[in-house]
PDB file of N, CA and C in Angstrom:
ATOM      1  N   MET A   1     -26.421  -7.102 -29.403  1.00  0.00           N
ATOM      2  CA  MET A   1     -26.524  -8.363 -29.264  1.00  0.00           C
ATOM      3  C   MET A   1     -25.054  -7.834 -28.480  1.00  0.00           C
ATOM      4  N   SER A   2     -24.084  -6.978 -28.387  1.00  0.00           N
ATOM      5  CA  SER A   2     -22.575  -6.352 -27.616  1.00  0.00           C
ATOM      6  C   SER A   2     -23.178  -5.950 -26.359  1.00  0.00           C
ATOM      7  N   GLU A   3     -24.332  -5.244 -26.488  1.00  0.00           N
ATOM      8  CA  GLU A   3     -24.914  -4.538 -25.382  1.00  0.00           C
ATOM      9  C   GLU A   3     -24.765  -5.347 -24.264  1.00  0.00           C
ATOM     10  N   VAL A   4     -25.246  -6.608 -24.652  1.00  0.00           N
ATOM     11  CA  VAL A   4     -25.112  -8.102 -23.486  1.00  0.00           C
ATOM     12  C   VAL A   4     -23.969  -8.541 -23.132  1.00  0.00           C
ATOM     13  N   ILE A   5     -23.360  -8.748 -24.427  1.00  0.00           N
ATOM     14  CA  ILE A   5     -22.058  -8.863 -23.343  1.00  0.00           C
ATOM     15  C   ILE A   5     -20.892  -7.891 -22.989  1.00  0.00           C
ATOM     16  N   ASN A   6     -20.744  -6.622 -23.259  1.00  0.00           N
ATOM     17  CA  ASN A   6     -20.134  -5.613 -22.226  1.00  0.00           C
ATOM     18  C   ASN A   6     -20.959  -5.543 -20.796  1.00  0.00           C
ATOM     19  N   GLU A   7     -22.990  -6.070 -21.248  1.00  0.00           N
ATOM     20  CA  GLU A   7     -23.342  -5.880 -19.387  1.00  0.00           C
ATOM     21  C   GLU A   7     -22.682  -7.276 -18.706  1.00  0.00           C
ATOM     22  N   ASP A   8     -22.579  -7.724 -18.902  1.00  0.00           N
ATOM     23  CA  ASP A   8     -21.710  -9.231 -18.563  1.00  0.00           C
ATOM     24  C   ASP A   8     -19.827  -9.113 -18.223  1.00  0.00           C
ATOM     25  N   VAL A   9     -19.616  -8.499 -18.639  1.00  0.00           N
ATOM     26  CA  VAL A   9     -18.045  -8.858 -18.675  1.00  0.00           C
ATOM     27  C   VAL A   9     -18.089  -6.636 -17.576  1.00  0.00           C
ATOM     28  N   PHE A  10     -19.199  -6.471 -17.987  1.00  0.00           N
ATOM     29  CA  PHE A  10     -19.041  -5.046 -16.883  1.00  0.00           C
ATOM     30  C   PHE A  10     -20.001  -6.018 -15.709  1.00  0.00           C
ATOM     31  N   GLU A  11     -20.103  -7.048 -15.304  1.00  0.00           N
ATOM     32  CA  GLU A  11     -20.909  -7.274 -14.378  1.00  0.00           C
ATOM     33  C   GLU A  11     -19.941  -8.211 -13.542  1.00  0.00           C
ATOM     34  N   SER A  12     -19.162  -9.024 -14.302  1.00  0.00           N
ATOM     35  CA  SER A  12     -18.349  -9.739 -13.775  1.00  0.00           C
ATOM     36  C   SER A  12     -17.354  -9.166 -13.442  1.00  0.00           C
ATOM     37  N   ALA A  13     -16.232  -8.297 -13.768  1.00  0.00           N
ATOM     38  CA  ALA A  13     -15.681  -7.255 -13.410  1.00  0.00           C
ATOM     39  C   ALA A  13     -15.831  -6.077 -12.284  1.00  0.00           C
ATOM     40  N   ARG A  14     -16.755  -6.026 -11.950  1.00  0.00           N
ATOM     41  CA  ARG A  14     -17.853  -5.592 -10.819  1.00  0.00           C
ATOM     42  C   ARG A  14     -17.856  -6.678  -9.868  1.00  0.00           C
ATOM     43  N   VAL A  15     -18.273  -7.869 -10.111  1.00  0.00           N
ATOM     44  CA  VAL A  15     -18.063  -9.110  -8.917  1.00  0.00           C
ATOM     45  C   VAL A  15     -16.712  -9.438  -8.166  1.00  0.00           C
ATOM     46  N   ASN A  16     -15.520  -9.297  -9.675  1.00  0.00           N
ATOM     47  CA  ASN A  16     -13.996  -9.382  -8.542  1.00  0.00           C
ATOM     48  C   ASN A  16     -13.789  -8.563  -7.777  1.00  0.00           C
ATOM     49  N   LEU A  17     -14.012  -7.256  -8.451  1.00  0.00           N
ATOM     50  CA  LEU A  17     -13.890  -5.756  -7.629  1.00  0.00           C
ATOM     51  C   LEU A  17     -13.915  -5.960  -6.289  1.00  0.00           C
ATOM     52  N   ASN A  18     -15.303  -6.358  -6.005  1.00  0.00           N
ATOM     53  CA  ASN A  18     -16.134  -6.592  -4.102  1.00  0.00           C
ATOM     54  C   ASN A  18     -15.128  -7.707  -4.051  1.00  0.00           C
ATOM     55  N   ASN A  19     -14.936  -8.605  -4.774  1.00  0.00           N
ATOM     56  CA  ASN A  19     -14.545 -10.100  -3.999  1.00  0.00           C
ATOM     57  C   ASN A  19     -12.490  -9.790  -3.478  1.00  0.00           C
ATOM     58  N   LEU A  20     -12.077  -9.301  -4.316  1.00  0.00           N
ATOM     59  CA  LEU A  20     -10.755  -8.261  -4.016  1.00  0.00           C
ATOM     60  C   LEU A  20     -10.627  -7.116  -3.156  1.00  0.00           C
ATOM     61  N   ILE A  21     -12.351  -6.826  -3.034  1.00  0.00           N
ATOM     62  CA  ILE A  21     -11.947  -5.695  -1.409  1.00  0.00           C
ATOM     63  C   ILE A  21     -12.357  -6.409   0.102  1.00  0.00           C
ATOM     64  N   PHE A  22     -12.626  -7.512  -0.530  1.00  0.00           N
ATOM     65  CA  PHE A  22     -13.119  -8.042   0.919  1.00  0.00           C
ATOM     66  C   PHE A  22     -12.182  -8.918   0.791  1.00  0.00           C
ATOM     67  N   LYS A  23     -11.363  -9.399   0.005  1.00  0.00           N
ATOM     68  CA  LYS A  23     -10.159 -10.236   1.166  1.00  0.00           C
ATOM     69  C   LYS A  23      -8.956  -9.141   1.058  1.00  0.00           C
ATOM     70  N   ARG A  24      -8.654  -8.364   0.944  1.00  0.00           N
ATOM     71  CA  ARG A  24      -8.142  -6.705   1.510  1.00  0.00           C
ATOM     72  C   ARG A  24      -9.183  -6.656   2.726  1.00  0.00           C
ATOM     73  N   ILE A  25     -10.228  -6.113   2.943  1.00  0.00           N
ATOM     74  CA  ILE A  25     -11.003  -6.578   4.471  1.00  0.00           C
ATOM     75  C   ILE A  25     -10.170  -7.613   5.130  1.00  0.00           C
ATOM     76  N   CYS A  26     -10.839  -8.494   4.801  1.00  0.00           N
ATOM     77  CA  CYS A  26     -10.476  -9.911   5.517  1.00  0.00           C
ATOM     78  C   CYS A  26      -8.752 -10.028   5.876  1.00  0.00           C
ATOM     79  N   TYR A  27      -7.905 -10.079   5.096  1.00  0.00           N
ATOM     80  CA  TYR A  27      -6.440  -9.307   5.270  1.00  0.00           C
ATOM     81  C   TYR A  27      -6.518  -8.607   6.379  1.00  0.00           C
ATOM     82  N   ALA A  28      -6.915  -7.788   6.237  1.00  0.00           N
ATOM     83  CA  ALA A  28      -6.785  -6.253   7.554  1.00  0.00           C
ATOM     84  C   ALA A  28      -7.108  -6.511   8.425  1.00  0.00           C
ATOM     85  N   LYS A  29      -7.918  -6.845   8.374  1.00  0.00           N
ATOM     86  CA  LYS A  29      -8.636  -7.904   9.899  1.00  0.00           C
ATOM     87  C   LYS A  29      -7.846  -8.682  10.649  1.00  0.00           C
ATOM     88  N   LYS A  30      -7.508  -9.713  10.131  1.00  0.00           N
ATOM     89  CA  LYS A  30      -6.024 -10.747  10.299  1.00  0.00           C
ATOM     90  C   LYS A  30      -5.470 -10.077  10.755  1.00  0.00           C
ATOM     91  N   LEU A  31      -4.242  -9.577   9.793  1.00  0.00           N
ATOM     92  CA  LEU A  31      -3.885  -8.681  10.241  1.00  0.00           C
ATOM     93  C   LEU A  31      -3.694  -8.157  12.141  1.00  0.00           C
ATOM     94  N   SER A  32      -4.722  -6.682  12.021  1.00  0.00           N
ATOM     95  CA  SER A  32      -4.706  -6.392  12.895  1.00  0.00           C
ATOM     96  C   SER A  32      -5.466  -6.764  14.376  1.00  0.00           C
ATOM     97  N   ILE A  33      -5.977  -8.172  13.821  1.00  0.00           N
ATOM     98  CA  ILE A  33      -5.648  -9.271  15.157  1.00  0.00           C
ATOM     99  C   ILE A  33      -5.100  -9.423  15.401  1.00  0.00           C
ATOM    100  N   THR A  34      -4.538  -9.718  14.789  1.00  0.00           N
ATOM    101  CA  THR A  34      -2.157 -10.010  14.897  1.00  0.00           C
ATOM    102  C   THR A  34      -1.617  -9.391  15.127  1.00  0.00           C
ATOM    103  N   LEU A  35      -1.278  -8.468  15.405  1.00  0.00           N
ATOM    104  CA  LEU A  35      -0.976  -7.168  16.163  1.00  0.00           C
ATOM    105  C   LEU A  35      -1.393  -6.475  17.202  1.00  0.00           C
ATOM    106  N   ILE A  36      -3.384  -7.333  18.282  1.00  0.00           N
ATOM    107  CA  ILE A  36      -2.698  -7.204  19.002  1.00  0.00           C
ATOM    108  C   ILE A  36      -2.982  -8.685  19.869  1.00  0.00           C
ATOM    109  N   PHE A  37      -2.918  -9.365  19.607  1.00  0.00           N
ATOM    110  CA  PHE A  37      -1.937 -10.349  20.191  1.00  0.00           C
ATOM    111  C   PHE A  37      -0.443  -9.992  20.438  1.00  0.00           C
ATOM    112  N   LEU A  38      -0.047  -9.728  19.364  1.00  0.00           N
ATOM    113  CA  LEU A  38       1.685  -9.804  19.904  1.00  0.00           C
ATOM    114  C   LEU A  38       2.121  -8.570  20.755  1.00  0.00           C
ATOM    115  N   PHE A  39       0.851  -6.843  20.567  1.00  0.00           N
ATOM    116  CA  PHE A  39       0.994  -6.181  21.871  1.00  0.00           C
ATOM    117  C   PHE A  39       0.323  -6.024  23.010  1.00  0.00           C
TER     118      PHE A  39
END
């Protein structure tokens, strides 16, 4: 039973990490586009 819970926790943590990385990439793209328009 505990193995299933650990697997769920690991899966949700992995999804959260992927979302965080995705948000960082989107933010970096917006930032670089803004800089390109400025210069």
